[in-house]
Protein backbone atom coordinates (compact mmCIF):
# COMPACT_ATOMS: atom_id res chain seq x y z
CA UNK A 1 81.18 85.98 66.63
CA UNK A 2 78.77 83.46 65.23
CA UNK A 3 79.94 80.10 63.93
CA UNK A 4 78.18 78.45 61.00
CA UNK A 5 78.38 74.96 59.52
CA UNK A 6 77.46 73.59 56.12
CA UNK A 7 74.09 71.85 55.81
CA UNK A 8 74.22 71.12 52.09
CA UNK A 9 76.38 68.35 50.68
CA UNK A 10 78.98 70.99 49.68
CA UNK A 11 79.00 74.78 50.00
CA UNK A 12 81.27 77.11 48.03
CA UNK A 13 82.31 80.24 49.92
CA UNK A 14 84.62 83.14 49.11
CA UNK A 15 87.13 84.01 51.82
CA UNK A 16 88.72 87.44 51.88
CA UNK A 17 87.89 91.09 51.50
CA UNK A 18 84.96 91.88 49.20
CA UNK A 19 87.07 94.69 47.69
CA UNK A 20 90.29 92.73 47.33
CA UNK A 21 91.52 89.27 46.49
CA UNK A 22 89.23 86.42 47.48
CA UNK A 23 89.83 82.70 47.61
CA UNK A 24 87.12 80.14 46.91
CA UNK A 25 86.74 77.37 49.49
CA UNK A 26 84.63 74.24 49.17
CA UNK A 27 83.13 73.28 52.54
CA UNK A 28 81.70 69.74 52.91
CA UNK A 29 78.51 69.06 54.89
CA UNK A 30 78.94 69.37 58.67
CA UNK A 31 82.17 71.37 58.39
CA UNK A 32 82.60 74.82 59.89
CA UNK A 33 82.43 77.81 57.55
CA UNK A 34 85.85 79.51 57.68
CA UNK A 35 86.43 82.99 59.12
CA UNK A 36 86.66 85.78 56.59
CA UNK A 37 83.46 85.05 54.63
CA UNK A 38 81.65 88.33 53.98
CA UNK A 39 78.45 88.91 55.99
CA UNK A 40 76.36 89.36 52.82
CA UNK A 41 77.37 85.91 51.61
CA UNK A 42 76.56 84.42 55.02
CA UNK A 43 73.08 85.96 54.86
CA UNK A 44 72.59 84.63 51.33
CA UNK A 45 73.67 81.10 52.31
CA UNK A 46 71.40 81.20 55.39
CA UNK A 47 68.45 82.33 53.27
CA UNK A 48 69.03 79.41 50.89
CA UNK A 49 69.40 77.06 53.91
CA UNK A 50 72.80 75.88 52.75
CA UNK A 51 74.39 76.70 56.12
CA UNK A 52 73.16 76.87 59.71
CA UNK A 53 74.18 78.52 62.94
CA UNK A 54 76.02 76.25 65.36
CA UNK A 55 73.98 75.97 68.59
CA UNK A 56 74.80 78.50 71.31
CA UNK A 57 77.24 80.62 69.33
CA UNK A 58 75.14 83.65 68.41
CA UNK A 59 74.02 84.79 71.86
CA UNK A 60 77.02 83.53 73.74
CA UNK A 61 78.93 86.31 75.43
CA UNK A 62 82.60 86.45 74.52
CA UNK A 63 84.71 84.48 76.92
CA UNK A 64 87.42 86.15 78.89
CA UNK A 65 90.75 85.58 77.22
CA UNK A 66 93.79 84.35 79.07
CA UNK A 67 95.39 87.78 78.66
CA UNK A 68 92.36 89.46 80.24
CA UNK A 69 92.47 87.01 83.17
CA UNK A 70 96.18 87.66 83.67
CA UNK A 71 95.61 91.41 83.46
CA UNK A 72 92.90 91.18 86.13
CA UNK A 73 95.17 89.08 88.35
CA UNK A 74 98.00 91.57 87.87
CA UNK A 75 95.78 94.51 88.77
CA UNK A 76 94.57 92.67 91.89
CA UNK A 77 98.15 91.86 92.92
CA UNK A 78 99.25 95.47 92.38
CA UNK A 79 96.33 96.72 94.46
CA UNK A 80 97.19 94.28 97.28
CA UNK A 81 100.86 95.29 97.12
CA UNK A 82 99.94 98.98 97.34
CA UNK A 83 97.69 98.30 100.34
CA UNK A 84 100.45 96.29 102.04
CA UNK A 85 102.96 99.05 101.36
CA UNK A 86 100.60 101.64 102.85
CA UNK A 87 100.17 99.49 105.97
CA UNK A 88 103.94 99.02 106.24
CA UNK A 89 104.51 102.77 105.92
CA UNK A 90 101.95 103.45 108.65
CA UNK A 91 103.55 100.82 110.91
CA UNK A 92 106.98 102.29 110.25
CA UNK A 93 105.72 105.76 111.17
CA UNK A 94 104.28 104.40 114.43
CA UNK A 95 107.56 102.63 115.19
CA UNK A 96 109.53 105.82 114.58
CA UNK A 97 107.16 107.72 116.86
CA UNK A 98 107.52 105.06 119.56
CA UNK A 99 111.32 105.18 119.28
CA UNK A 100 111.26 108.97 119.67
CA UNK A 101 109.07 108.67 122.79
CA UNK A 102 111.38 105.99 124.21
CA UNK A 103 114.45 108.17 123.60
CA UNK A 104 112.72 111.13 125.29
CA UNK A 105 111.78 108.94 128.26
CA UNK A 106 115.37 107.63 128.57
CA UNK A 107 116.71 111.19 128.45
CA UNK A 108 114.27 112.28 131.14
CA UNK A 109 115.19 109.24 133.27
CA UNK A 110 118.92 109.98 132.86
CA UNK A 111 118.32 113.56 134.03
CA UNK A 112 116.47 112.31 137.10
CA UNK A 113 119.25 109.86 137.97
CA UNK A 114 122.04 112.45 137.71
CA UNK A 115 122.73 114.15 141.04
CA UNK A 116 122.24 117.89 141.10
CA UNK A 117 125.40 119.91 140.63
CA UNK A 118 127.19 120.93 143.83
CA UNK A 119 127.44 124.53 144.82
CA UNK A 120 130.84 126.13 144.32
CA UNK A 121 133.04 125.98 147.34
CA UNK A 122 131.07 123.16 148.94
CA UNK A 123 133.13 120.65 150.75
CA UNK A 124 133.05 117.05 149.89
CA UNK A 125 132.72 114.42 152.56
CA UNK A 126 136.13 112.90 151.90
CA UNK A 127 138.11 116.17 151.63
CA UNK A 128 140.35 117.40 154.53
């Protein structure tokens, strides 16, 4: 939004809706024209050279508001958290798989360490 300032010694402007109540404001030279002045009046005052555009305000792109910056930071943080959660889930799945393999290996090792069952009626070395 463009910002204008008074060039003339004093400038009278009407602030408010063109269809509703309006309030007259007297703006001294060098002061900023208040928000709410109808665009037609701005054009009229510019044509009469009573006001001028403040340098760099017409073509300036709107600056990012604090809320927009915070929203962007929040979205970035949420994205990073989601990525971290996905990595943690993948790591947890790998750990579970590794635990299952370890349990299977322990079971297999326990079976190898257990002596084979003795045939029925076999004598033991210490029996008489």
